[in-house]
Amino acid sequence: MGMRAGTSYWASDEMIRPTRIREVLRELSVRPRKGLGQNFLADGNIRKLMLDTCRIAPGSRILEIGPGLGAITSGLIQVAGSVIAIE
């Protein structure tokens, strides 16, 4: 997708908005394809629910497969502290 290691376009829950997602995708020249199951998280409540459900202990090391734009990745970093994300 053209993102460098450690790059995240998600500074806060406010950034998880459909308009911002479209802006970032345009900046990266990415056109999502529903047929490939490409969806982007646009709801901070869902993100919080997902992170809470995982029950990640502080200091955990996380491997995230398919981080997309990093909406969940940034939350994982805040909770766990160490995340390896592979697109």
PDB file of N, CA and C in Angstrom:
ATOM      1  N   MET A   1       0.802  -1.192   0.000  1.00  0.00           N
ATOM      2  CA  MET A   1       0.000   0.000   0.000  1.00  0.00           C
ATOM      3  C   MET A   1       0.846   1.258   0.000  1.00  0.00           C
ATOM      4  N   GLY A   2       2.149   1.120   0.063  1.00  0.00           N
ATOM      5  CA  GLY A   2       2.988   2.288   0.012  1.00  0.00           C
ATOM      6  C   GLY A   2       3.291   2.919   1.359  1.00  0.00           C
ATOM      7  N   MET A   3       2.869   2.303   2.468  1.00  0.00           N
ATOM      8  CA  MET A   3       3.144   2.875   3.783  1.00  0.00           C
ATOM      9  C   MET A   3       4.514   2.403   4.249  1.00  0.00           C
ATOM     10  N   ARG A   4       5.266   3.282   4.887  1.00  0.00           N
ATOM     11  CA  ARG A   4       6.558   2.928   5.451  1.00  0.00           C
ATOM     12  C   ARG A   4       6.338   2.272   6.809  1.00  0.00           C
ATOM     13  N   ALA A   5       7.338   1.514   7.241  1.00  0.00           N
ATOM     14  CA  ALA A   5       7.264   0.892   8.561  1.00  0.00           C
ATOM     15  C   ALA A   5       7.022   1.963   9.611  1.00  0.00           C
ATOM     16  N   GLY A   6       6.085   1.698  10.496  1.00  0.00           N
ATOM     17  CA  GLY A   6       5.788   2.631  11.572  1.00  0.00           C
ATOM     18  C   GLY A   6       4.841   3.753  11.188  1.00  0.00           C
ATOM     19  N   THR A   7       4.435   3.812   9.936  1.00  0.00           N
ATOM     20  CA  THR A   7       3.538   4.879   9.500  1.00  0.00           C
ATOM     21  C   THR A   7       2.106   4.532   9.874  1.00  0.00           C
ATOM     22  N   SER A   8       1.415   5.463  10.488  1.00  0.00           N
ATOM     23  CA  SER A   8       0.001   5.288  10.775  1.00  0.00           C
ATOM     24  C   SER A   8      -0.712   6.593  10.474  1.00  0.00           C
ATOM     25  N   TYR A   9      -1.810   6.496   9.782  1.00  0.00           N
ATOM     26  CA  TYR A   9      -2.592   7.675   9.453  1.00  0.00           C
ATOM     27  C   TYR A   9      -3.651   7.946  10.512  1.00  0.00           C
ATOM     28  N   TRP A  10      -3.643   7.198  11.603  1.00  0.00           N
ATOM     29  CA  TRP A  10      -4.676   7.283  12.630  1.00  0.00           C
ATOM     30  C   TRP A  10      -4.102   7.839  13.916  1.00  0.00           C
ATOM     31  N   ALA A  11      -4.210   9.125  14.116  1.00  0.00           N
ATOM     32  CA  ALA A  11      -3.700   9.750  15.334  1.00  0.00           C
ATOM     33  C   ALA A  11      -4.702   9.642  16.481  1.00  0.00           C
ATOM     34  N   SER A  12      -5.980   9.520  16.168  1.00  0.00           N
ATOM     35  CA  SER A  12      -7.007   9.458  17.209  1.00  0.00           C
ATOM     36  C   SER A  12      -8.278   8.858  16.624  1.00  0.00           C
ATOM     37  N   ASP A  13      -9.249   8.607  17.517  1.00  0.00           N
ATOM     38  CA  ASP A  13     -10.536   8.085  17.051  1.00  0.00           C
ATOM     39  C   ASP A  13     -11.204   9.042  16.071  1.00  0.00           C
ATOM     40  N   GLU A  14     -10.907  10.331  16.207  1.00  0.00           N
ATOM     41  CA  GLU A  14     -11.495  11.319  15.304  1.00  0.00           C
ATOM     42  C   GLU A  14     -11.096  11.053  13.848  1.00  0.00           C
ATOM     43  N   MET A  15      -9.940  10.416  13.677  1.00  0.00           N
ATOM     44  CA  MET A  15      -9.453  10.131  12.329  1.00  0.00           C
ATOM     45  C   MET A  15     -10.217   8.981  11.674  1.00  0.00           C
ATOM     46  N   ILE A  16     -10.998   8.232  12.449  1.00  0.00           N
ATOM     47  CA  ILE A  16     -11.749   7.109  11.885  1.00  0.00           C
ATOM     48  C   ILE A  16     -13.082   7.646  11.380  1.00  0.00           C
ATOM     49  N   ARG A  17     -13.020   8.314  10.267  1.00  0.00           N
ATOM     50  CA  ARG A  17     -14.209   8.883   9.619  1.00  0.00           C
ATOM     51  C   ARG A  17     -14.156   8.507   8.148  1.00  0.00           C
ATOM     52  N   PRO A  18     -15.301   8.221   7.555  1.00  0.00           N
ATOM     53  CA  PRO A  18     -15.311   7.877   6.126  1.00  0.00           C
ATOM     54  C   PRO A  18     -14.637   8.927   5.245  1.00  0.00           C
ATOM     55  N   THR A  19     -14.834  10.210   5.552  1.00  0.00           N
ATOM     56  CA  THR A  19     -14.212  11.242   4.709  1.00  0.00           C
ATOM     57  C   THR A  19     -12.695  11.192   4.815  1.00  0.00           C
ATOM     58  N   ARG A  20     -12.168  10.969   6.026  1.00  0.00           N
ATOM     59  CA  ARG A  20     -10.710  10.891   6.198  1.00  0.00           C
ATOM     60  C   ARG A  20     -10.163   9.630   5.545  1.00  0.00           C
ATOM     61  N   ILE A  21     -10.885   8.531   5.660  1.00  0.00           N
ATOM     62  CA  ILE A  21     -10.459   7.290   5.016  1.00  0.00           C
ATOM     63  C   ILE A  21     -10.319   7.510   3.515  1.00  0.00           C
ATOM     64  N   ARG A  22     -11.320   8.154   2.910  1.00  0.00           N
ATOM     65  CA  ARG A  22     -11.257   8.421   1.462  1.00  0.00           C
ATOM     66  C   ARG A  22     -10.063   9.307   1.112  1.00  0.00           C
ATOM     67  N   GLU A  23      -9.810  10.328   1.945  1.00  0.00           N
ATOM     68  CA  GLU A  23      -8.664  11.218   1.703  1.00  0.00           C
ATOM     69  C   GLU A  23      -7.355  10.438   1.707  1.00  0.00           C
ATOM     70  N   VAL A  24      -7.178   9.598   2.718  1.00  0.00           N
ATOM     71  CA  VAL A  24      -5.937   8.831   2.845  1.00  0.00           C
ATOM     72  C   VAL A  24      -5.789   7.857   1.684  1.00  0.00           C
ATOM     73  N   LEU A  25      -6.867   7.172   1.335  1.00  0.00           N
ATOM     74  CA  LEU A  25      -6.802   6.238   0.210  1.00  0.00           C
ATOM     75  C   LEU A  25      -6.437   6.965  -1.077  1.00  0.00           C
ATOM     76  N   ARG A  26      -6.987   8.146  -1.256  1.00  0.00           N
ATOM     77  CA  ARG A  26      -6.664   8.949  -2.444  1.00  0.00           C
ATOM     78  C   ARG A  26      -5.180   9.340  -2.427  1.00  0.00           C
ATOM     79  N   GLU A  27      -4.680   9.778  -1.256  1.00  0.00           N
ATOM     80  CA  GLU A  27      -3.265  10.149  -1.118  1.00  0.00           C
ATOM     81  C   GLU A  27      -2.348   8.980  -1.461  1.00  0.00           C
ATOM     82  N   LEU A  28      -2.769   7.772  -1.102  1.00  0.00           N
ATOM     83  CA  LEU A  28      -1.964   6.576  -1.346  1.00  0.00           C
ATOM     84  C   LEU A  28      -2.236   5.942  -2.705  1.00  0.00           C
ATOM     85  N   SER A  29      -3.149   6.528  -3.472  1.00  0.00           N
ATOM     86  CA  SER A  29      -3.561   5.979  -4.778  1.00  0.00           C
ATOM     87  C   SER A  29      -4.072   4.546  -4.648  1.00  0.00           C
ATOM     88  N   VAL A  30      -4.883   4.312  -3.624  1.00  0.00           N
ATOM     89  CA  VAL A  30      -5.451   2.989  -3.368  1.00  0.00           C
ATOM     90  C   VAL A  30      -6.937   3.021  -3.678  1.00  0.00           C
ATOM     91  N   ARG A  31      -7.396   2.010  -4.418  1.00  0.00           N
ATOM     92  CA  ARG A  31      -8.822   1.859  -4.714  1.00  0.00           C
ATOM     93  C   ARG A  31      -9.278   0.525  -4.122  1.00  0.00           C
ATOM     94  N   PRO A  32      -9.990   0.567  -2.993  1.00  0.00           N
ATOM     95  CA  PRO A  32     -10.435  -0.679  -2.361  1.00  0.00           C
ATOM     96  C   PRO A  32     -11.385  -1.458  -3.262  1.00  0.00           C
ATOM     97  N   ARG A  33     -11.300  -2.773  -3.159  1.00  0.00           N
ATOM     98  CA  ARG A  33     -12.174  -3.655  -3.941  1.00  0.00           C
ATOM     99  C   ARG A  33     -12.974  -4.537  -2.993  1.00  0.00           C
ATOM    100  N   LYS A  34     -14.280  -4.386  -3.040  1.00  0.00           N
ATOM    101  CA  LYS A  34     -15.145  -5.197  -2.176  1.00  0.00           C
ATOM    102  C   LYS A  34     -14.975  -6.680  -2.467  1.00  0.00           C
ATOM    103  N   GLY A  35     -14.741  -7.017  -3.732  1.00  0.00           N
ATOM    104  CA  GLY A  35     -14.551  -8.414  -4.115  1.00  0.00           C
ATOM    105  C   GLY A  35     -13.357  -9.059  -3.425  1.00  0.00           C
ATOM    106  N   LEU A  36     -12.407  -8.240  -2.989  1.00  0.00           N
ATOM    107  CA  LEU A  36     -11.235  -8.736  -2.262  1.00  0.00           C
ATOM    108  C   LEU A  36     -11.430  -8.633  -0.755  1.00  0.00           C
ATOM    109  N   GLY A  37     -12.622  -8.199  -0.347  1.00  0.00           N
ATOM    110  CA  GLY A  37     -12.923  -8.079   1.075  1.00  0.00           C
ATOM    111  C   GLY A  37     -12.237  -6.901   1.742  1.00  0.00           C
ATOM    112  N   GLN A  38     -11.904  -5.881   0.966  1.00  0.00           N
ATOM    113  CA  GLN A  38     -11.218  -4.716   1.517  1.00  0.00           C
ATOM    114  C   GLN A  38     -12.230  -3.760   2.137  1.00  0.00           C
ATOM    115  N   ASN A  39     -12.177  -3.685   3.453  1.00  0.00           N
ATOM    116  CA  ASN A  39     -13.049  -2.804   4.222  1.00  0.00           C
ATOM    117  C   ASN A  39     -12.187  -2.038   5.206  1.00  0.00           C
ATOM    118  N   PHE A  40     -12.604  -0.826   5.539  1.00  0.00           N
ATOM    119  CA  PHE A  40     -11.827   0.000   6.447  1.00  0.00           C
ATOM    120  C   PHE A  40     -12.696   0.410   7.624  1.00  0.00           C
ATOM    121  N   LEU A  41     -12.167   0.210   8.827  1.00  0.00           N
ATOM    122  CA  LEU A  41     -12.888   0.506  10.058  1.00  0.00           C
ATOM    123  C   LEU A  41     -13.191   1.994  10.151  1.00  0.00           C
ATOM    124  N   ALA A  42     -14.467   2.321  10.308  1.00  0.00           N
ATOM    125  CA  ALA A  42     -14.890   3.723  10.358  1.00  0.00           C
ATOM    126  C   ALA A  42     -15.767   3.999  11.574  1.00  0.00           C
ATOM    127  N   ASP A  43     -15.588   3.221  12.641  1.00  0.00           N
ATOM    128  CA  ASP A  43     -16.406   3.384  13.842  1.00  0.00           C
ATOM    129  C   ASP A  43     -15.532   3.163  15.074  1.00  0.00           C
ATOM    130  N   GLY A  44     -15.273   4.234  15.808  1.00  0.00           N
ATOM    131  CA  GLY A  44     -14.445   4.149  17.006  1.00  0.00           C
ATOM    132  C   GLY A  44     -15.012   3.228  18.071  1.00  0.00           C
ATOM    133  N   ASN A  45     -16.347   3.103  18.135  1.00  0.00           N
ATOM    134  CA  ASN A  45     -16.972   2.201  19.108  1.00  0.00           C
ATOM    135  C   ASN A  45     -16.652   0.749  18.792  1.00  0.00           C
ATOM    136  N   ILE A  46     -16.666   0.398  17.507  1.00  0.00           N
ATOM    137  CA  ILE A  46     -16.331  -0.973  17.098  1.00  0.00           C
ATOM    138  C   ILE A  46     -14.866  -1.257  17.409  1.00  0.00           C
ATOM    139  N   ARG A  47     -14.010  -0.276  17.116  1.00  0.00           N
ATOM    140  CA  ARG A  47     -12.583  -0.436  17.421  1.00  0.00           C
ATOM    141  C   ARG A  47     -12.388  -0.705  18.910  1.00  0.00           C
ATOM    142  N   LYS A  48     -13.040   0.089  19.760  1.00  0.00           N
ATOM    143  CA  LYS A  48     -12.915  -0.092  21.211  1.00  0.00           C
ATOM    144  C   LYS A  48     -13.421  -1.467  21.634  1.00  0.00           C
ATOM    145  N   LEU A  49     -14.559  -1.886  21.093  1.00  0.00           N
ATOM    146  CA  LEU A  49     -15.111  -3.202  21.410  1.00  0.00           C
ATOM    147  C   LEU A  49     -14.133  -4.311  21.020  1.00  0.00           C
ATOM    148  N   MET A  50     -13.552  -4.187  19.831  1.00  0.00           N
ATOM    149  CA  MET A  50     -12.590  -5.198  19.369  1.00  0.00           C
ATOM    150  C   MET A  50     -11.384  -5.271  20.306  1.00  0.00           C
ATOM    151  N   LEU A  51     -10.845  -4.120  20.668  1.00  0.00           N
ATOM    152  CA  LEU A  51      -9.667  -4.098  21.537  1.00  0.00           C
ATOM    153  C   LEU A  51     -10.001  -4.605  22.934  1.00  0.00           C
ATOM    154  N   ASP A  52     -11.162  -4.223  23.466  1.00  0.00           N
ATOM    155  CA  ASP A  52     -11.578  -4.691  24.793  1.00  0.00           C
ATOM    156  C   ASP A  52     -11.796  -6.200  24.801  1.00  0.00           C
ATOM    157  N   THR A  53     -12.367  -6.730  23.731  1.00  0.00           N
ATOM    158  CA  THR A  53     -12.661  -8.156  23.634  1.00  0.00           C
ATOM    159  C   THR A  53     -11.382  -8.993  23.619  1.00  0.00           C
ATOM    160  N   CYS A  54     -10.314  -8.441  23.069  1.00  0.00           N
ATOM    161  CA  CYS A  54      -9.040  -9.174  22.974  1.00  0.00           C
ATOM    162  C   CYS A  54      -8.357  -9.370  24.324  1.00  0.00           C
ATOM    163  N   ARG A  55      -8.666  -8.524  25.300  1.00  0.00           N
ATOM    164  CA  ARG A  55      -8.061  -8.629  26.640  1.00  0.00           C
ATOM    165  C   ARG A  55      -6.535  -8.715  26.563  1.00  0.00           C
ATOM    166  N   ILE A  56      -5.943  -7.755  25.924  1.00  0.00           N
ATOM    167  CA  ILE A  56      -4.492  -7.731  25.729  1.00  0.00           C
ATOM    168  C   ILE A  56      -3.820  -7.204  26.994  1.00  0.00           C
ATOM    169  N   ALA A  57      -2.845  -7.949  27.474  1.00  0.00           N
ATOM    170  CA  ALA A  57      -2.105  -7.528  28.669  1.00  0.00           C
ATOM    171  C   ALA A  57      -1.050  -6.493  28.288  1.00  0.00           C
ATOM    172  N   PRO A  58      -0.854  -5.493  29.135  1.00  0.00           N
ATOM    173  CA  PRO A  58       0.207  -4.514  28.874  1.00  0.00           C
ATOM    174  C   PRO A  58       1.548  -5.229  28.698  1.00  0.00           C
ATOM    175  N   GLY A  59       2.322  -4.774  27.741  1.00  0.00           N
ATOM    176  CA  GLY A  59       3.619  -5.382  27.466  1.00  0.00           C
ATOM    177  C   GLY A  59       3.558  -6.561  26.510  1.00  0.00           C
ATOM    178  N   SER A  60       2.361  -6.920  26.056  1.00  0.00           N
ATOM    179  CA  SER A  60       2.221  -8.024  25.102  1.00  0.00           C
ATOM    180  C   SER A  60       2.872  -7.665  23.775  1.00  0.00           C
ATOM    181  N   ARG A  61       3.292  -8.692  23.046  1.00  0.00           N
ATOM    182  CA  ARG A  61       3.788  -8.511  21.685  1.00  0.00           C
ATOM    183  C   ARG A  61       2.706  -9.042  20.753  1.00  0.00           C
ATOM    184  N   ILE A  62       2.283  -8.216  19.807  1.00  0.00           N
ATOM    185  CA  ILE A  62       1.159  -8.537  18.928  1.00  0.00           C
ATOM    186  C   ILE A  62       1.642  -8.634  17.490  1.00  0.00           C
ATOM    187  N   LEU A  63       1.145  -9.635  16.766  1.00  0.00           N
ATOM    188  CA  LEU A  63       1.361  -9.751  15.323  1.00  0.00           C
ATOM    189  C   LEU A  63       0.014  -9.506  14.659  1.00  0.00           C
ATOM    190  N   GLU A  64      -0.077  -8.444  13.879  1.00  0.00           N
ATOM    191  CA  GLU A  64      -1.325  -8.116  13.176  1.00  0.00           C
ATOM    192  C   GLU A  64      -1.130  -8.382  11.689  1.00  0.00           C
ATOM    193  N   ILE A  65      -1.991  -9.204  11.130  1.00  0.00           N
ATOM    194  CA  ILE A  65      -1.948  -9.522   9.706  1.00  0.00           C
ATOM    195  C   ILE A  65      -3.023  -8.701   9.008  1.00  0.00           C
ATOM    196  N   GLY A  66      -2.626  -7.941   7.981  1.00  0.00           N
ATOM    197  CA  GLY A  66      -3.580  -7.127   7.223  1.00  0.00           C
ATOM    198  C   GLY A  66      -4.037  -5.891   7.956  1.00  0.00           C
ATOM    199  N   PRO A  67      -3.125  -5.024   8.389  1.00  0.00           N
ATOM    200  CA  PRO A  67      -3.509  -3.848   9.167  1.00  0.00           C
ATOM    201  C   PRO A  67      -4.211  -2.745   8.384  1.00  0.00           C
ATOM    202  N   GLY A  68      -4.194  -2.828   7.065  1.00  0.00           N
ATOM    203  CA  GLY A  68      -4.850  -1.779   6.279  1.00  0.00           C
ATOM    204  C   GLY A  68      -4.250  -0.425   6.573  1.00  0.00           C
ATOM    205  N   LEU A  69      -5.075   0.532   6.965  1.00  0.00           N
ATOM    206  CA  LEU A  69      -4.604   1.884   7.258  1.00  0.00           C
ATOM    207  C   LEU A  69      -4.142   2.055   8.702  1.00  0.00           C
ATOM    208  N   GLY A  70      -4.271   1.025   9.507  1.00  0.00           N
ATOM    209  CA  GLY A  70      -3.763   1.088  10.877  1.00  0.00           C
ATOM    210  C   GLY A  70      -4.759   1.501  11.934  1.00  0.00           C
ATOM    211  N   ALA A  71      -6.049   1.450  11.640  1.00  0.00           N
ATOM    212  CA  ALA A  71      -7.067   1.868  12.611  1.00  0.00           C
ATOM    213  C   ALA A  71      -7.017   1.028  13.883  1.00  0.00           C
ATOM    214  N   ILE A  72      -6.808  -0.258  13.741  1.00  0.00           N
ATOM    215  CA  ILE A  72      -6.717  -1.132  14.908  1.00  0.00           C
ATOM    216  C   ILE A  72      -5.288  -1.139  15.437  1.00  0.00           C
ATOM    217  N   THR A  73      -4.323  -1.031  14.541  1.00  0.00           N
ATOM    218  CA  THR A  73      -2.911  -1.058  14.920  1.00  0.00           C
ATOM    219  C   THR A  73      -2.588  -0.012  15.976  1.00  0.00           C
ATOM    220  N   SER A  74      -3.050   1.209  15.775  1.00  0.00           N
ATOM    221  CA  SER A  74      -2.735   2.274  16.735  1.00  0.00           C
ATOM    222  C   SER A  74      -3.319   1.963  18.109  1.00  0.00           C
ATOM    223  N   GLY A  75      -4.500   1.355  18.143  1.00  0.00           N
ATOM    224  CA  GLY A  75      -5.095   0.948  19.416  1.00  0.00           C
ATOM    225  C   GLY A  75      -4.317  -0.184  20.065  1.00  0.00           C
ATOM    226  N   LEU A  76      -3.841  -1.129  19.250  1.00  0.00           N
ATOM    227  CA  LEU A  76      -3.032  -2.231  19.770  1.00  0.00           C
ATOM    228  C   LEU A  76      -1.742  -1.707  20.392  1.00  0.00           C
ATOM    229  N   ILE A  77      -1.120  -0.731  19.735  1.00  0.00           N
ATOM    230  CA  ILE A  77       0.120  -0.146  20.256  1.00  0.00           C
ATOM    231  C   ILE A  77      -0.135   0.502  21.610  1.00  0.00           C
ATOM    232  N   GLN A  78      -1.248   1.212  21.738  1.00  0.00           N
ATOM    233  CA  GLN A  78      -1.576   1.871  23.007  1.00  0.00           C
ATOM    234  C   GLN A  78      -1.776   0.850  24.125  1.00  0.00           C
ATOM    235  N   VAL A  79      -2.388  -0.286  23.795  1.00  0.00           N
ATOM    236  CA  VAL A  79      -2.684  -1.301  24.804  1.00  0.00           C
ATOM    237  C   VAL A  79      -1.468  -2.189  25.067  1.00  0.00           C
ATOM    238  N   ALA A  80      -0.876  -2.742  24.002  1.00  0.00           N
ATOM    239  CA  ALA A  80       0.185  -3.730  24.151  1.00  0.00           C
ATOM    240  C   ALA A  80       1.573  -3.099  24.230  1.00  0.00           C
ATOM    241  N   GLY A  81       1.797  -2.108  23.399  1.00  0.00           N
ATOM    242  CA  GLY A  81       3.103  -1.468  23.363  1.00  0.00           C
ATOM    243  C   GLY A  81       4.000  -1.960  22.255  1.00  0.00           C
ATOM    244  N   SER A  82       3.836  -3.202  21.806  1.00  0.00           N
ATOM    245  CA  SER A  82       4.689  -3.753  20.752  1.00  0.00           C
ATOM    246  C   SER A  82       3.827  -4.472  19.722  1.00  0.00           C
ATOM    247  N   VAL A  83       3.827  -3.951  18.497  1.00  0.00           N
ATOM    248  CA  VAL A  83       3.006  -4.537  17.432  1.00  0.00           C
ATOM    249  C   VAL A  83       3.838  -4.667  16.166  1.00  0.00           C
ATOM    250  N   ILE A  84       3.783  -5.845  15.562  1.00  0.00           N
ATOM    251  CA  ILE A  84       4.350  -6.054  14.235  1.00  0.00           C
ATOM    252  C   ILE A  84       3.157  -6.219  13.311  1.00  0.00           C
ATOM    253  N   ALA A  85       3.050  -5.347  12.318  1.00  0.00           N
ATOM    254  CA  ALA A  85       1.920  -5.381  11.382  1.00  0.00           C
ATOM    255  C   ALA A  85       2.437  -5.736   9.997  1.00  0.00           C
ATOM    256  N   ILE A  86       1.832  -6.757   9.387  1.00  0.00           N
ATOM    257  CA  ILE A  86       2.235  -7.218   8.060  1.00  0.00           C
ATOM    258  C   ILE A  86       1.042  -7.113   7.129  1.00  0.00           C
ATOM    259  N   GLU A  87       1.187  -6.340   6.060  1.00  0.00           N
ATOM    260  CA  GLU A  87       0.100  -6.171   5.092  1.00  0.00           C
ATOM    261  C   GLU A  87       0.108  -7.329   4.122  1.00  0.00           C
TER     262      GLU A  87
END
